[in-house]
Amino acid sequence: MSARAYPRHSGAASHRGASLRESDGGRSGGRSIGDGSQIVADHSPLARRSERKIAFESDDPGILVRGNQRAVESVVANLIVNALRAEPVGGMVLVRVRSDAVVEEIDHGEGVAPVDREAIFEPFWRKSEVTLGSGLVLAIAKELMAKLHGRIWIDDTPGGGATFKLLFPATILHERFDRSSRSQL
């Protein structure tokens, strides 16, 4: 997948547009729950200030997920901030929305040791005393994903780093299917 650069951001952010959308099970259609490329664009100033880049990709521009807009955007935004901290200077964080409603936030930092992959989601957990933050972002993300009936986990990034994955509820509707099912009701 190729990414297209935002001209005003000097390569700090790039995207291939798509939006996550909220679904109510097809009763009234889906509604936009936030444009993933917009969340990434909102974080491009932070990426520039920290001398990193950020990009957005999507397999399918019509992804619908069941969930609360603020909760979903909060989880994604907080993981972006963490990924930008972990990404080496000059590197690029990638936020990818897959067609199966999995959001991947990919960095190329130190990664997370397999022994820490459960503990990292515990409140106040930090890798060391010099680690920035309160140790609450991932605990809150895990709790929000549970309330959304989703899941969060970590995989290795090929070549080094961490890939945080968010799996949204199994009720996934594509916009074109949603329109056709409403017309049949």
N, C-alpha and C. Protein backbone atom coordinates (compact mmCIF):
# COMPACT_ATOMS: atom_id res chain seq x y z
N MET A 1 0.82 -1.18 0.00
CA MET A 1 0.00 0.00 0.00
C MET A 1 0.87 1.24 0.00
N SER A 2 0.54 2.11 -0.87
CA SER A 2 1.31 3.35 -0.88
C SER A 2 0.57 4.41 -0.08
N ALA A 3 1.33 5.36 0.41
CA ALA A 3 0.73 6.45 1.18
C ALA A 3 0.96 7.75 0.42
N ARG A 4 0.01 8.67 0.54
CA ARG A 4 0.09 9.96 -0.13
C ARG A 4 0.41 11.01 0.92
N ALA A 5 1.37 11.86 0.65
CA ALA A 5 1.80 12.86 1.63
C ALA A 5 0.84 14.03 1.68
N TYR A 6 0.61 14.56 2.88
CA TYR A 6 -0.12 15.82 3.04
C TYR A 6 0.85 16.92 2.62
N PRO A 7 0.54 17.72 1.63
CA PRO A 7 1.50 18.72 1.15
C PRO A 7 1.94 19.71 2.22
N ARG A 8 1.06 20.14 3.10
CA ARG A 8 1.40 21.16 4.09
C ARG A 8 2.25 20.62 5.24
N HIS A 9 2.35 19.32 5.36
CA HIS A 9 3.03 18.75 6.51
C HIS A 9 4.45 18.29 6.22
N SER A 10 4.99 18.68 5.10
CA SER A 10 6.38 18.37 4.74
C SER A 10 6.72 16.91 4.96
N GLY A 11 5.81 16.02 4.61
CA GLY A 11 6.08 14.60 4.76
C GLY A 11 5.89 14.09 6.17
N ALA A 12 5.46 14.94 7.10
CA ALA A 12 5.29 14.49 8.48
C ALA A 12 4.09 13.57 8.62
N ALA A 13 3.10 13.74 7.79
CA ALA A 13 1.94 12.86 7.84
C ALA A 13 1.57 12.47 6.43
N SER A 14 1.13 11.25 6.29
CA SER A 14 0.63 10.81 4.99
C SER A 14 -0.57 9.92 5.25
N HIS A 15 -1.38 9.74 4.22
CA HIS A 15 -2.57 8.94 4.43
C HIS A 15 -3.04 8.30 3.14
N ARG A 16 -3.83 7.30 3.32
CA ARG A 16 -4.64 6.71 2.27
C ARG A 16 -6.00 6.62 2.90
N GLY A 17 -6.90 7.49 2.54
CA GLY A 17 -8.11 7.79 3.28
C GLY A 17 -9.04 6.64 3.56
N ALA A 18 -9.64 6.69 4.73
CA ALA A 18 -10.71 5.80 5.15
C ALA A 18 -11.23 6.33 6.46
N SER A 19 -12.40 5.89 6.80
CA SER A 19 -12.89 6.30 8.11
C SER A 19 -13.44 5.10 8.83
N LEU A 20 -13.30 5.12 10.14
CA LEU A 20 -13.97 4.14 10.96
C LEU A 20 -15.38 4.68 11.12
N ARG A 21 -16.35 3.84 11.07
CA ARG A 21 -17.73 4.29 11.22
C ARG A 21 -18.40 3.47 12.30
N GLU A 22 -19.36 4.09 12.94
CA GLU A 22 -20.11 3.41 13.99
C GLU A 22 -21.35 2.78 13.38
N SER A 23 -21.65 1.58 13.81
CA SER A 23 -22.83 0.88 13.34
C SER A 23 -23.74 0.59 14.52
N ASP A 24 -25.02 0.61 14.27
CA ASP A 24 -25.98 0.22 15.30
C ASP A 24 -26.65 -1.09 14.90
N GLY A 25 -25.92 -1.93 14.17
CA GLY A 25 -26.45 -3.22 13.76
C GLY A 25 -27.34 -3.14 12.54
N GLY A 26 -27.31 -2.02 11.82
CA GLY A 26 -28.09 -1.90 10.60
C GLY A 26 -29.48 -1.32 10.80
N ARG A 27 -29.84 -1.00 12.06
CA ARG A 27 -31.18 -0.47 12.31
C ARG A 27 -31.37 0.90 11.66
N SER A 28 -30.38 1.75 11.71
CA SER A 28 -30.54 3.07 11.09
C SER A 28 -29.35 3.41 10.21
N GLY A 29 -28.59 2.39 9.82
CA GLY A 29 -27.40 2.64 9.02
C GLY A 29 -26.21 2.85 9.92
N GLY A 30 -25.12 3.28 9.35
CA GLY A 30 -23.92 3.57 10.12
C GLY A 30 -23.72 5.06 10.20
N ARG A 31 -22.96 5.51 11.18
CA ARG A 31 -22.61 6.92 11.20
C ARG A 31 -21.12 7.03 11.42
N SER A 32 -20.57 8.10 10.90
CA SER A 32 -19.13 8.28 10.98
C SER A 32 -18.69 8.38 12.42
N ILE A 33 -17.64 7.67 12.77
CA ILE A 33 -17.15 7.78 14.13
C ILE A 33 -15.75 8.36 14.16
N GLY A 34 -15.36 8.90 13.08
CA GLY A 34 -14.07 9.58 13.08
C GLY A 34 -13.24 9.11 11.91
N ASP A 35 -12.71 10.03 11.22
CA ASP A 35 -11.88 9.72 10.09
C ASP A 35 -10.49 9.39 10.60
N GLY A 36 -10.05 8.15 10.38
CA GLY A 36 -8.74 7.73 10.85
C GLY A 36 -7.62 8.59 10.32
N SER A 37 -7.73 9.02 9.06
CA SER A 37 -6.69 9.89 8.52
C SER A 37 -6.68 11.24 9.22
N GLN A 38 -7.85 11.69 9.71
CA GLN A 38 -7.91 12.96 10.43
C GLN A 38 -7.23 12.83 11.79
N ILE A 39 -7.42 11.71 12.47
CA ILE A 39 -6.75 11.50 13.76
C ILE A 39 -5.24 11.54 13.56
N VAL A 40 -4.77 10.91 12.50
CA VAL A 40 -3.34 10.92 12.20
C VAL A 40 -2.89 12.35 11.87
N ALA A 41 -3.65 13.05 11.04
CA ALA A 41 -3.29 14.43 10.69
C ALA A 41 -3.25 15.31 11.93
N ASP A 42 -4.17 15.08 12.86
CA ASP A 42 -4.18 15.87 14.10
C ASP A 42 -2.90 15.68 14.90
N HIS A 43 -2.24 14.54 14.73
CA HIS A 43 -1.01 14.25 15.48
C HIS A 43 0.26 14.57 14.69
N SER A 44 0.11 15.05 13.45
CA SER A 44 1.30 15.37 12.66
C SER A 44 2.13 16.50 13.26
N PRO A 45 1.53 17.53 13.91
CA PRO A 45 2.39 18.54 14.55
C PRO A 45 3.28 17.94 15.65
N LEU A 46 2.72 17.02 16.43
CA LEU A 46 3.51 16.34 17.46
C LEU A 46 4.62 15.52 16.81
N ALA A 47 4.30 14.85 15.72
CA ALA A 47 5.31 14.06 15.00
C ALA A 47 6.44 14.97 14.51
N ARG A 48 6.08 16.10 13.92
CA ARG A 48 7.10 17.04 13.42
C ARG A 48 7.98 17.57 14.56
N ARG A 49 7.33 17.98 15.67
CA ARG A 49 8.10 18.50 16.81
C ARG A 49 9.05 17.46 17.38
N SER A 50 8.66 16.21 17.31
CA SER A 50 9.52 15.15 17.85
C SER A 50 10.42 14.54 16.77
N GLU A 51 10.45 15.17 15.59
CA GLU A 51 11.30 14.76 14.47
C GLU A 51 11.00 13.34 13.99
N ARG A 52 9.72 13.03 13.95
CA ARG A 52 9.25 11.74 13.45
C ARG A 52 8.18 11.99 12.40
N LYS A 53 7.79 10.93 11.73
CA LYS A 53 6.73 11.01 10.73
C LYS A 53 5.60 10.09 11.15
N ILE A 54 4.43 10.33 10.57
CA ILE A 54 3.27 9.50 10.85
C ILE A 54 2.51 9.30 9.55
N ALA A 55 1.99 8.10 9.33
CA ALA A 55 1.26 7.79 8.10
C ALA A 55 0.01 7.00 8.43
N PHE A 56 -0.95 7.03 7.51
CA PHE A 56 -2.21 6.32 7.66
C PHE A 56 -2.48 5.53 6.40
N GLU A 57 -2.92 4.28 6.56
CA GLU A 57 -3.32 3.44 5.44
C GLU A 57 -4.61 2.73 5.80
N SER A 58 -5.39 2.39 4.77
CA SER A 58 -6.60 1.62 4.99
C SER A 58 -6.84 0.68 3.82
N ASP A 59 -7.26 -0.53 4.16
CA ASP A 59 -7.61 -1.53 3.13
C ASP A 59 -8.98 -1.25 2.53
N ASP A 60 -9.87 -0.61 3.30
CA ASP A 60 -11.26 -0.46 2.89
C ASP A 60 -11.82 0.84 3.45
N PRO A 61 -12.21 1.78 2.59
CA PRO A 61 -12.72 3.06 3.08
C PRO A 61 -14.12 2.98 3.69
N GLY A 62 -14.79 1.83 3.65
CA GLY A 62 -16.14 1.72 4.17
C GLY A 62 -16.27 0.93 5.45
N ILE A 63 -15.24 0.84 6.25
CA ILE A 63 -15.29 0.05 7.49
C ILE A 63 -16.28 0.67 8.47
N LEU A 64 -17.16 -0.18 9.01
CA LEU A 64 -18.08 0.22 10.07
C LEU A 64 -17.75 -0.60 11.30
N VAL A 65 -17.67 0.06 12.45
CA VAL A 65 -17.45 -0.67 13.70
C VAL A 65 -18.49 -0.23 14.70
N ARG A 66 -18.80 -1.12 15.62
CA ARG A 66 -19.74 -0.79 16.68
C ARG A 66 -18.93 -0.21 17.83
N GLY A 67 -19.32 0.97 18.30
CA GLY A 67 -18.58 1.55 19.40
C GLY A 67 -18.91 3.01 19.61
N ASN A 68 -18.41 3.54 20.69
CA ASN A 68 -18.58 4.93 21.04
C ASN A 68 -17.48 5.75 20.38
N GLN A 69 -17.87 6.79 19.66
CA GLN A 69 -16.92 7.59 18.89
C GLN A 69 -15.78 8.10 19.76
N ARG A 70 -16.07 8.70 20.88
CA ARG A 70 -15.02 9.26 21.74
C ARG A 70 -14.10 8.18 22.28
N ALA A 71 -14.66 7.04 22.64
CA ALA A 71 -13.84 5.95 23.17
C ALA A 71 -12.88 5.43 22.10
N VAL A 72 -13.38 5.20 20.90
CA VAL A 72 -12.54 4.69 19.81
C VAL A 72 -11.44 5.70 19.49
N GLU A 73 -11.82 6.96 19.31
CA GLU A 73 -10.83 7.98 18.98
C GLU A 73 -9.80 8.16 20.10
N SER A 74 -10.24 8.04 21.34
CA SER A 74 -9.33 8.18 22.47
C SER A 74 -8.29 7.08 22.48
N VAL A 75 -8.72 5.85 22.28
CA VAL A 75 -7.79 4.72 22.26
C VAL A 75 -6.77 4.91 21.14
N VAL A 76 -7.25 5.21 19.94
CA VAL A 76 -6.35 5.37 18.78
C VAL A 76 -5.38 6.53 19.02
N ALA A 77 -5.89 7.66 19.48
CA ALA A 77 -5.04 8.84 19.70
C ALA A 77 -3.98 8.58 20.77
N ASN A 78 -4.36 7.95 21.87
CA ASN A 78 -3.38 7.68 22.93
C ASN A 78 -2.32 6.69 22.49
N LEU A 79 -2.68 5.72 21.68
CA LEU A 79 -1.67 4.79 21.16
C LEU A 79 -0.73 5.49 20.18
N ILE A 80 -1.26 6.46 19.43
CA ILE A 80 -0.39 7.23 18.53
C ILE A 80 0.66 7.98 19.33
N VAL A 81 0.25 8.64 20.42
CA VAL A 81 1.20 9.38 21.26
C VAL A 81 2.27 8.44 21.80
N ASN A 82 1.87 7.27 22.30
CA ASN A 82 2.85 6.29 22.79
C ASN A 82 3.79 5.84 21.68
N ALA A 83 3.24 5.58 20.49
CA ALA A 83 4.07 5.12 19.38
C ALA A 83 5.07 6.19 18.96
N LEU A 84 4.66 7.45 18.96
CA LEU A 84 5.59 8.54 18.61
C LEU A 84 6.72 8.65 19.64
N ARG A 85 6.43 8.36 20.90
CA ARG A 85 7.50 8.36 21.92
C ARG A 85 8.49 7.23 21.67
N ALA A 86 7.97 6.08 21.25
CA ALA A 86 8.81 4.90 21.06
C ALA A 86 9.61 4.95 19.76
N GLU A 87 9.06 5.59 18.75
CA GLU A 87 9.68 5.63 17.42
C GLU A 87 11.00 6.38 17.48
N PRO A 88 12.05 5.83 16.88
CA PRO A 88 13.34 6.55 16.84
C PRO A 88 13.21 7.85 16.02
N VAL A 89 14.02 8.83 16.35
CA VAL A 89 14.06 10.09 15.61
C VAL A 89 14.28 9.79 14.14
N GLY A 90 13.48 10.44 13.29
CA GLY A 90 13.57 10.23 11.85
C GLY A 90 12.70 9.09 11.34
N GLY A 91 12.15 8.29 12.25
CA GLY A 91 11.33 7.15 11.87
C GLY A 91 9.89 7.52 11.59
N MET A 92 9.10 6.51 11.21
CA MET A 92 7.70 6.74 10.88
C MET A 92 6.80 5.76 11.62
N VAL A 93 5.78 6.30 12.27
CA VAL A 93 4.71 5.51 12.87
C VAL A 93 3.64 5.32 11.80
N LEU A 94 3.13 4.11 11.69
CA LEU A 94 2.09 3.81 10.71
C LEU A 94 0.83 3.39 11.45
N VAL A 95 -0.29 4.02 11.10
CA VAL A 95 -1.60 3.62 11.60
C VAL A 95 -2.33 3.02 10.41
N ARG A 96 -2.72 1.75 10.55
CA ARG A 96 -3.35 1.03 9.44
C ARG A 96 -4.70 0.49 9.90
N VAL A 97 -5.75 0.70 9.08
CA VAL A 97 -7.05 0.11 9.32
C VAL A 97 -7.24 -0.99 8.29
N ARG A 98 -7.36 -2.21 8.81
CA ARG A 98 -7.53 -3.36 7.92
C ARG A 98 -9.01 -3.60 7.63
N SER A 99 -9.29 -4.33 6.58
CA SER A 99 -10.68 -4.59 6.19
C SER A 99 -11.43 -5.46 7.19
N ASP A 100 -10.71 -6.13 8.10
CA ASP A 100 -11.36 -6.95 9.13
C ASP A 100 -11.58 -6.16 10.43
N ALA A 101 -11.54 -4.82 10.36
CA ALA A 101 -11.78 -3.91 11.49
C ALA A 101 -10.71 -4.03 12.57
N VAL A 102 -9.49 -4.35 12.16
CA VAL A 102 -8.34 -4.31 13.06
C VAL A 102 -7.57 -3.04 12.75
N VAL A 103 -7.29 -2.26 13.78
CA VAL A 103 -6.45 -1.07 13.64
C VAL A 103 -5.08 -1.45 14.17
N GLU A 104 -4.05 -1.22 13.36
CA GLU A 104 -2.67 -1.49 13.76
C GLU A 104 -1.92 -0.17 13.92
N GLU A 105 -1.22 -0.03 15.01
CA GLU A 105 -0.36 1.12 15.23
C GLU A 105 1.06 0.58 15.35
N ILE A 106 1.88 0.91 14.35
CA ILE A 106 3.17 0.27 14.17
C ILE A 106 4.29 1.27 14.43
N ASP A 107 5.19 0.89 15.35
CA ASP A 107 6.39 1.70 15.57
C ASP A 107 7.62 0.83 15.42
N HIS A 108 8.78 1.46 15.39
CA HIS A 108 10.05 0.76 15.18
C HIS A 108 11.01 1.01 16.33
N GLY A 109 10.46 1.17 17.53
CA GLY A 109 11.27 1.42 18.72
C GLY A 109 11.85 0.13 19.27
N GLU A 110 12.00 0.11 20.59
CA GLU A 110 12.59 -1.06 21.27
C GLU A 110 11.66 -2.26 21.29
N GLY A 111 10.38 -2.04 21.12
CA GLY A 111 9.42 -3.14 21.19
C GLY A 111 9.07 -3.45 22.64
N VAL A 112 8.29 -4.50 22.82
CA VAL A 112 7.87 -4.93 24.15
C VAL A 112 8.27 -6.39 24.30
N ALA A 113 9.04 -6.66 25.33
CA ALA A 113 9.49 -8.04 25.58
C ALA A 113 8.27 -8.94 25.80
N PRO A 114 8.32 -10.17 25.30
CA PRO A 114 7.19 -11.09 25.47
C PRO A 114 6.75 -11.25 26.94
N VAL A 115 7.69 -11.20 27.88
CA VAL A 115 7.33 -11.36 29.30
C VAL A 115 6.54 -10.16 29.82
N ASP A 116 6.61 -9.01 29.14
CA ASP A 116 5.92 -7.80 29.59
C ASP A 116 4.59 -7.56 28.88
N ARG A 117 4.23 -8.39 27.95
CA ARG A 117 3.08 -8.12 27.08
C ARG A 117 1.73 -8.15 27.79
N GLU A 118 1.62 -8.82 28.89
CA GLU A 118 0.39 -8.76 29.69
C GLU A 118 0.49 -7.65 30.72
N ALA A 119 1.65 -7.55 31.37
CA ALA A 119 1.86 -6.57 32.45
C ALA A 119 1.73 -5.14 31.94
N ILE A 120 2.08 -4.90 30.68
CA ILE A 120 2.07 -3.55 30.13
C ILE A 120 0.67 -2.92 30.18
N PHE A 121 -0.36 -3.75 30.26
CA PHE A 121 -1.74 -3.26 30.31
C PHE A 121 -2.25 -3.07 31.74
N GLU A 122 -1.40 -3.31 32.73
CA GLU A 122 -1.79 -3.10 34.13
C GLU A 122 -1.63 -1.62 34.49
N PRO A 123 -2.55 -1.10 35.32
CA PRO A 123 -2.44 0.31 35.71
C PRO A 123 -1.08 0.61 36.37
N PHE A 124 -0.50 1.74 36.02
CA PHE A 124 0.74 2.28 36.56
C PHE A 124 1.99 1.50 36.15
N TRP A 125 1.86 0.52 35.24
CA TRP A 125 3.04 -0.21 34.80
C TRP A 125 3.87 0.69 33.91
N ARG A 126 5.16 0.75 34.16
CA ARG A 126 6.11 1.45 33.31
C ARG A 126 7.35 0.59 33.22
N LYS A 127 8.03 0.69 32.11
CA LYS A 127 9.22 -0.13 31.88
C LYS A 127 10.30 0.16 32.91
N SER A 128 10.43 1.42 33.28
CA SER A 128 11.42 1.82 34.30
C SER A 128 10.97 3.14 34.90
N GLU A 129 11.64 3.58 35.93
CA GLU A 129 11.30 4.84 36.58
C GLU A 129 11.53 6.05 35.67
N VAL A 130 12.42 5.92 34.69
CA VAL A 130 12.69 7.04 33.78
C VAL A 130 11.73 7.08 32.59
N THR A 131 10.88 6.05 32.46
CA THR A 131 9.90 6.02 31.38
C THR A 131 8.88 7.13 31.59
N LEU A 132 8.61 7.89 30.52
CA LEU A 132 7.62 8.97 30.60
C LEU A 132 6.22 8.42 30.79
N GLY A 133 5.37 9.22 31.40
CA GLY A 133 3.96 8.88 31.53
C GLY A 133 3.62 8.29 32.88
N SER A 134 2.32 8.12 33.07
CA SER A 134 1.81 7.62 34.35
C SER A 134 1.61 6.12 34.36
N GLY A 135 1.67 5.49 33.19
CA GLY A 135 1.41 4.06 33.13
C GLY A 135 -0.08 3.74 33.09
N LEU A 136 -0.88 4.70 32.67
CA LEU A 136 -2.33 4.48 32.63
C LEU A 136 -2.90 4.34 31.22
N VAL A 137 -2.22 4.85 30.21
CA VAL A 137 -2.77 4.88 28.86
C VAL A 137 -3.15 3.48 28.38
N LEU A 138 -2.27 2.52 28.52
CA LEU A 138 -2.57 1.17 28.01
C LEU A 138 -3.61 0.46 28.87
N ALA A 139 -3.62 0.73 30.18
CA ALA A 139 -4.65 0.15 31.05
C ALA A 139 -6.03 0.69 30.65
N ILE A 140 -6.10 1.99 30.39
CA ILE A 140 -7.37 2.59 29.96
C ILE A 140 -7.77 2.07 28.58
N ALA A 141 -6.80 1.94 27.68
CA ALA A 141 -7.09 1.41 26.34
C ALA A 141 -7.67 -0.01 26.43
N LYS A 142 -7.08 -0.84 27.29
CA LYS A 142 -7.57 -2.21 27.44
C LYS A 142 -9.00 -2.21 28.01
N GLU A 143 -9.25 -1.36 29.00
CA GLU A 143 -10.59 -1.28 29.59
C GLU A 143 -11.62 -0.78 28.57
N LEU A 144 -11.26 0.27 27.81
CA LEU A 144 -12.19 0.77 26.79
C LEU A 144 -12.46 -0.28 25.71
N MET A 145 -11.43 -0.99 25.28
CA MET A 145 -11.63 -2.02 24.27
C MET A 145 -12.53 -3.14 24.80
N ALA A 146 -12.38 -3.49 26.09
CA ALA A 146 -13.26 -4.50 26.69
C ALA A 146 -14.70 -4.01 26.71
N LYS A 147 -14.90 -2.74 27.06
CA LYS A 147 -16.26 -2.17 27.09
C LYS A 147 -16.87 -2.10 25.69
N LEU A 148 -16.02 -1.97 24.68
CA LEU A 148 -16.48 -1.95 23.29
C LEU A 148 -16.63 -3.37 22.73
N HIS A 149 -16.38 -4.37 23.57
CA HIS A 149 -16.42 -5.79 23.18
C HIS A 149 -15.34 -6.10 22.13
N GLY A 150 -14.23 -5.39 22.26
CA GLY A 150 -13.10 -5.60 21.37
C GLY A 150 -11.92 -6.14 22.15
N ARG A 151 -10.75 -5.98 21.58
CA ARG A 151 -9.54 -6.53 22.18
C ARG A 151 -8.34 -5.70 21.74
N ILE A 152 -7.31 -5.65 22.60
CA ILE A 152 -6.05 -5.00 22.27
C ILE A 152 -4.93 -5.98 22.59
N TRP A 153 -3.92 -6.02 21.72
CA TRP A 153 -2.75 -6.86 21.98
C TRP A 153 -1.55 -6.30 21.24
N ILE A 154 -0.39 -6.91 21.51
CA ILE A 154 0.87 -6.44 20.93
C ILE A 154 1.52 -7.57 20.16
N ASP A 155 2.04 -7.25 18.99
CA ASP A 155 2.88 -8.15 18.19
C ASP A 155 4.20 -7.45 17.94
N ASP A 156 5.19 -8.21 17.52
CA ASP A 156 6.46 -7.62 17.10
C ASP A 156 6.27 -6.96 15.74
N THR A 157 6.96 -5.85 15.53
CA THR A 157 7.03 -5.24 14.21
C THR A 157 8.21 -5.88 13.49
N PRO A 158 8.02 -6.40 12.28
CA PRO A 158 9.15 -6.95 11.55
C PRO A 158 10.28 -5.92 11.44
N GLY A 159 11.47 -6.31 11.79
CA GLY A 159 12.61 -5.41 11.78
C GLY A 159 12.81 -4.69 13.11
N GLY A 160 11.92 -4.90 14.05
CA GLY A 160 12.04 -4.30 15.38
C GLY A 160 10.94 -3.30 15.68
N GLY A 161 10.49 -3.30 16.90
CA GLY A 161 9.45 -2.38 17.34
C GLY A 161 8.22 -3.14 17.81
N ALA A 162 7.16 -2.38 18.05
CA ALA A 162 5.91 -2.96 18.53
C ALA A 162 4.76 -2.58 17.60
N THR A 163 3.87 -3.53 17.40
CA THR A 163 2.64 -3.28 16.66
C THR A 163 1.49 -3.53 17.61
N PHE A 164 0.80 -2.45 18.00
CA PHE A 164 -0.39 -2.57 18.84
C PHE A 164 -1.56 -2.79 17.90
N LYS A 165 -2.39 -3.76 18.26
CA LYS A 165 -3.55 -4.08 17.42
C LYS A 165 -4.83 -3.94 18.23
N LEU A 166 -5.81 -3.31 17.61
CA LEU A 166 -7.13 -3.13 18.19
C LEU A 166 -8.12 -3.88 17.32
N LEU A 167 -8.80 -4.85 17.90
CA LEU A 167 -9.83 -5.59 17.18
C LEU A 167 -11.18 -5.11 17.67
N PHE A 168 -11.98 -4.60 16.76
CA PHE A 168 -13.30 -4.10 17.11
C PHE A 168 -14.32 -5.21 16.99
N PRO A 169 -15.53 -5.02 17.50
CA PRO A 169 -16.54 -6.08 17.54
C PRO A 169 -16.74 -6.78 16.21
N ALA A 170 -17.16 -8.02 16.31
CA ALA A 170 -17.34 -8.86 15.13
C ALA A 170 -18.43 -8.36 14.20
N THR A 171 -19.34 -7.53 14.67
CA THR A 171 -20.39 -6.99 13.82
C THR A 171 -19.79 -5.89 12.97
N ILE A 172 -19.30 -6.28 11.83
CA ILE A 172 -18.67 -5.35 10.89
C ILE A 172 -19.56 -5.27 9.65
N LEU A 173 -19.92 -4.09 9.31
CA LEU A 173 -20.73 -3.89 8.11
C LEU A 173 -20.00 -2.96 7.17
N HIS A 174 -20.01 -3.27 5.93
CA HIS A 174 -19.43 -2.37 4.94
C HIS A 174 -20.53 -1.45 4.45
N GLU A 175 -20.20 -0.22 4.16
CA GLU A 175 -21.17 0.81 3.82
C GLU A 175 -22.09 0.36 2.69
N ARG A 176 -21.56 -0.28 1.67
CA ARG A 176 -22.38 -0.68 0.54
C ARG A 176 -23.39 -1.75 0.98
N PHE A 177 -23.01 -2.67 1.86
CA PHE A 177 -23.92 -3.69 2.37
C PHE A 177 -25.00 -3.04 3.23
N ASP A 178 -24.61 -2.09 4.05
CA ASP A 178 -25.56 -1.42 4.94
C ASP A 178 -26.65 -0.73 4.14
N ARG A 179 -26.29 -0.06 3.05
CA ARG A 179 -27.30 0.62 2.22
C ARG A 179 -28.25 -0.39 1.61
N SER A 180 -27.73 -1.51 1.09
CA SER A 180 -28.60 -2.47 0.43
C SER A 180 -29.50 -3.18 1.44
N SER A 181 -29.03 -3.43 2.67
CA SER A 181 -29.87 -4.10 3.65
C SER A 181 -30.98 -3.17 4.13
N ARG A 182 -30.73 -1.88 4.22
CA ARG A 182 -31.78 -0.94 4.61
C ARG A 182 -32.87 -0.88 3.57
N SER A 183 -32.48 -0.96 2.29
CA SER A 183 -33.49 -0.84 1.25
C SER A 183 -34.39 -2.06 1.21
N GLN A 184 -33.95 -3.19 1.75
CA GLN A 184 -34.75 -4.41 1.75
C GLN A 184 -35.67 -4.48 2.97
N LEU A 185 -35.47 -3.65 3.97
CA LEU A 185 -36.27 -3.72 5.19
C LEU A 185 -37.68 -3.25 5.01
